[in-house]
Amino acid sequence: MLFALYALLLLGGMYLVGVSFASPILPGLIFIAGVLCISAAVAVPIVVQRMSQDHARPPGD
């Protein structure tokens, strides 16, 4: 499930960045949305890994 979210964000962001160059309406906004999607795709595995490490620690550490 996590891989699907990562792939969707990454490919969707790449699509938005590509479409922004041909868009006649608000190309800058579409480009920024694409960059934010790609950034979120990179952040998802990092956040999930840190969350799983926090749950693995014993209480009090």
N, C-alpha and C. Protein backbone atom coordinates (compact mmCIF):
# COMPACT_ATOMS: atom_id res chain seq x y z
N MET A 1 0.82 -1.19 0.00
CA MET A 1 0.00 0.00 0.00
C MET A 1 0.87 1.26 0.00
N LEU A 2 1.92 1.22 0.78
CA LEU A 2 2.81 2.37 0.87
C LEU A 2 3.52 2.61 -0.47
N PHE A 3 3.90 1.52 -1.12
CA PHE A 3 4.56 1.65 -2.42
C PHE A 3 3.62 2.29 -3.44
N ALA A 4 2.35 1.95 -3.37
CA ALA A 4 1.38 2.53 -4.30
C ALA A 4 1.24 4.03 -4.07
N LEU A 5 1.23 4.45 -2.81
CA LEU A 5 1.16 5.88 -2.50
C LEU A 5 2.40 6.59 -3.00
N TYR A 6 3.56 5.99 -2.75
CA TYR A 6 4.81 6.58 -3.21
C TYR A 6 4.83 6.71 -4.73
N ALA A 7 4.46 5.64 -5.42
CA ALA A 7 4.46 5.66 -6.88
C ALA A 7 3.46 6.67 -7.43
N LEU A 8 2.29 6.74 -6.82
CA LEU A 8 1.27 7.69 -7.27
C LEU A 8 1.75 9.13 -7.11
N LEU A 9 2.33 9.44 -5.97
CA LEU A 9 2.83 10.80 -5.75
C LEU A 9 3.99 11.13 -6.69
N LEU A 10 4.90 10.19 -6.87
CA LEU A 10 6.06 10.45 -7.72
C LEU A 10 5.65 10.61 -9.18
N LEU A 11 4.88 9.67 -9.69
CA LEU A 11 4.47 9.76 -11.10
C LEU A 11 3.51 10.91 -11.34
N GLY A 12 2.61 11.15 -10.40
CA GLY A 12 1.70 12.29 -10.53
C GLY A 12 2.44 13.61 -10.51
N GLY A 13 3.44 13.72 -9.66
CA GLY A 13 4.24 14.94 -9.61
C GLY A 13 5.03 15.15 -10.88
N MET A 14 5.60 14.06 -11.41
CA MET A 14 6.33 14.17 -12.67
C MET A 14 5.40 14.58 -13.81
N TYR A 15 4.20 14.05 -13.80
CA TYR A 15 3.21 14.42 -14.82
C TYR A 15 2.85 15.90 -14.71
N LEU A 16 2.62 16.36 -13.48
CA LEU A 16 2.26 17.77 -13.30
C LEU A 16 3.38 18.70 -13.74
N VAL A 17 4.62 18.34 -13.43
CA VAL A 17 5.74 19.17 -13.86
C VAL A 17 5.80 19.22 -15.38
N GLY A 18 5.60 18.10 -16.04
CA GLY A 18 5.63 18.08 -17.49
C GLY A 18 4.49 18.84 -18.13
N VAL A 19 3.31 18.71 -17.57
CA VAL A 19 2.13 19.39 -18.11
C VAL A 19 2.21 20.90 -17.90
N SER A 20 2.91 21.32 -16.86
CA SER A 20 2.96 22.76 -16.55
C SER A 20 3.58 23.57 -17.68
N PHE A 21 4.49 22.98 -18.44
CA PHE A 21 5.14 23.73 -19.52
C PHE A 21 4.20 23.96 -20.70
N ALA A 22 3.16 23.15 -20.83
CA ALA A 22 2.23 23.30 -21.95
C ALA A 22 0.91 23.93 -21.51
N SER A 23 0.76 24.20 -20.24
CA SER A 23 -0.51 24.72 -19.72
C SER A 23 -0.62 26.23 -19.97
N PRO A 24 -1.73 26.66 -20.56
CA PRO A 24 -1.91 28.10 -20.78
C PRO A 24 -2.42 28.82 -19.52
N ILE A 25 -2.96 28.07 -18.57
CA ILE A 25 -3.54 28.67 -17.38
C ILE A 25 -2.73 28.27 -16.15
N LEU A 26 -2.16 29.23 -15.46
CA LEU A 26 -1.41 29.05 -14.22
C LEU A 26 -0.32 27.98 -14.30
N PRO A 27 0.62 28.10 -15.21
CA PRO A 27 1.66 27.08 -15.30
C PRO A 27 2.57 27.04 -14.07
N GLY A 28 2.77 28.18 -13.45
CA GLY A 28 3.61 28.22 -12.25
C GLY A 28 3.00 27.46 -11.09
N LEU A 29 1.70 27.60 -10.93
CA LEU A 29 1.01 26.90 -9.86
C LEU A 29 1.03 25.39 -10.08
N ILE A 30 0.85 24.96 -11.30
CA ILE A 30 0.89 23.53 -11.62
C ILE A 30 2.29 22.98 -11.40
N PHE A 31 3.31 23.76 -11.77
CA PHE A 31 4.69 23.33 -11.56
C PHE A 31 4.99 23.17 -10.08
N ILE A 32 4.57 24.14 -9.28
CA ILE A 32 4.80 24.06 -7.83
C ILE A 32 4.07 22.88 -7.22
N ALA A 33 2.85 22.61 -7.68
CA ALA A 33 2.11 21.45 -7.19
C ALA A 33 2.84 20.15 -7.53
N GLY A 34 3.44 20.09 -8.72
CA GLY A 34 4.21 18.91 -9.11
C GLY A 34 5.44 18.73 -8.25
N VAL A 35 6.14 19.81 -7.98
CA VAL A 35 7.33 19.74 -7.13
C VAL A 35 6.96 19.32 -5.72
N LEU A 36 5.84 19.81 -5.21
CA LEU A 36 5.39 19.43 -3.87
C LEU A 36 5.00 17.95 -3.82
N CYS A 37 4.39 17.45 -4.87
CA CYS A 37 4.05 16.02 -4.93
C CYS A 37 5.31 15.16 -4.93
N ILE A 38 6.31 15.56 -5.70
CA ILE A 38 7.56 14.80 -5.74
C ILE A 38 8.24 14.86 -4.37
N SER A 39 8.22 16.02 -3.72
CA SER A 39 8.81 16.15 -2.39
C SER A 39 8.08 15.27 -1.38
N ALA A 40 6.78 15.21 -1.48
CA ALA A 40 6.01 14.34 -0.57
C ALA A 40 6.32 12.87 -0.83
N ALA A 41 6.54 12.51 -2.10
CA ALA A 41 6.88 11.13 -2.42
C ALA A 41 8.23 10.74 -1.81
N VAL A 42 9.16 11.67 -1.77
CA VAL A 42 10.46 11.40 -1.15
C VAL A 42 10.33 11.35 0.37
N ALA A 43 9.45 12.17 0.93
CA ALA A 43 9.31 12.25 2.38
C ALA A 43 8.56 11.06 2.98
N VAL A 44 7.68 10.43 2.23
CA VAL A 44 6.86 9.34 2.77
C VAL A 44 7.70 8.20 3.32
N PRO A 45 8.66 7.64 2.59
CA PRO A 45 9.45 6.54 3.17
C PRO A 45 10.27 6.96 4.39
N ILE A 46 10.76 8.21 4.39
CA ILE A 46 11.55 8.69 5.52
C ILE A 46 10.69 8.78 6.77
N VAL A 47 9.50 9.35 6.64
CA VAL A 47 8.60 9.49 7.79
C VAL A 47 8.15 8.13 8.30
N VAL A 48 7.82 7.23 7.41
CA VAL A 48 7.37 5.90 7.83
C VAL A 48 8.49 5.15 8.54
N GLN A 49 9.71 5.27 8.05
CA GLN A 49 10.83 4.60 8.69
C GLN A 49 11.07 5.16 10.09
N ARG A 50 10.99 6.46 10.25
CA ARG A 50 11.18 7.06 11.57
C ARG A 50 10.05 6.67 12.52
N MET A 51 8.84 6.58 12.00
CA MET A 51 7.72 6.17 12.85
C MET A 51 7.89 4.73 13.31
N SER A 52 8.37 3.86 12.42
CA SER A 52 8.54 2.46 12.80
C SER A 52 9.69 2.30 13.78
N GLN A 53 10.72 3.14 13.69
CA GLN A 53 11.81 3.09 14.66
C GLN A 53 11.36 3.57 16.02
N ASP A 54 10.49 4.57 16.06
CA ASP A 54 9.98 5.07 17.34
C ASP A 54 9.13 4.04 18.04
N HIS A 55 8.37 3.24 17.29
CA HIS A 55 7.53 2.21 17.89
C HIS A 55 8.35 1.02 18.36
N ALA A 56 9.55 0.84 17.83
CA ALA A 56 10.40 -0.28 18.20
C ALA A 56 11.15 -0.03 19.50
N ARG A 57 11.26 1.22 19.91
CA ARG A 57 11.98 1.55 21.14
C ARG A 57 11.16 1.17 22.36
N PRO A 58 11.83 0.69 23.40
CA PRO A 58 11.09 0.40 24.63
C PRO A 58 10.69 1.69 25.33
N PRO A 59 9.63 1.67 26.10
CA PRO A 59 9.19 2.89 26.79
C PRO A 59 10.26 3.36 27.77
N GLY A 60 10.43 4.66 27.86
CA GLY A 60 11.40 5.25 28.77
C GLY A 60 12.71 5.60 28.12
N ASP A 61 12.92 5.21 26.89
CA ASP A 61 14.17 5.56 26.20
C ASP A 61 14.02 6.84 25.42
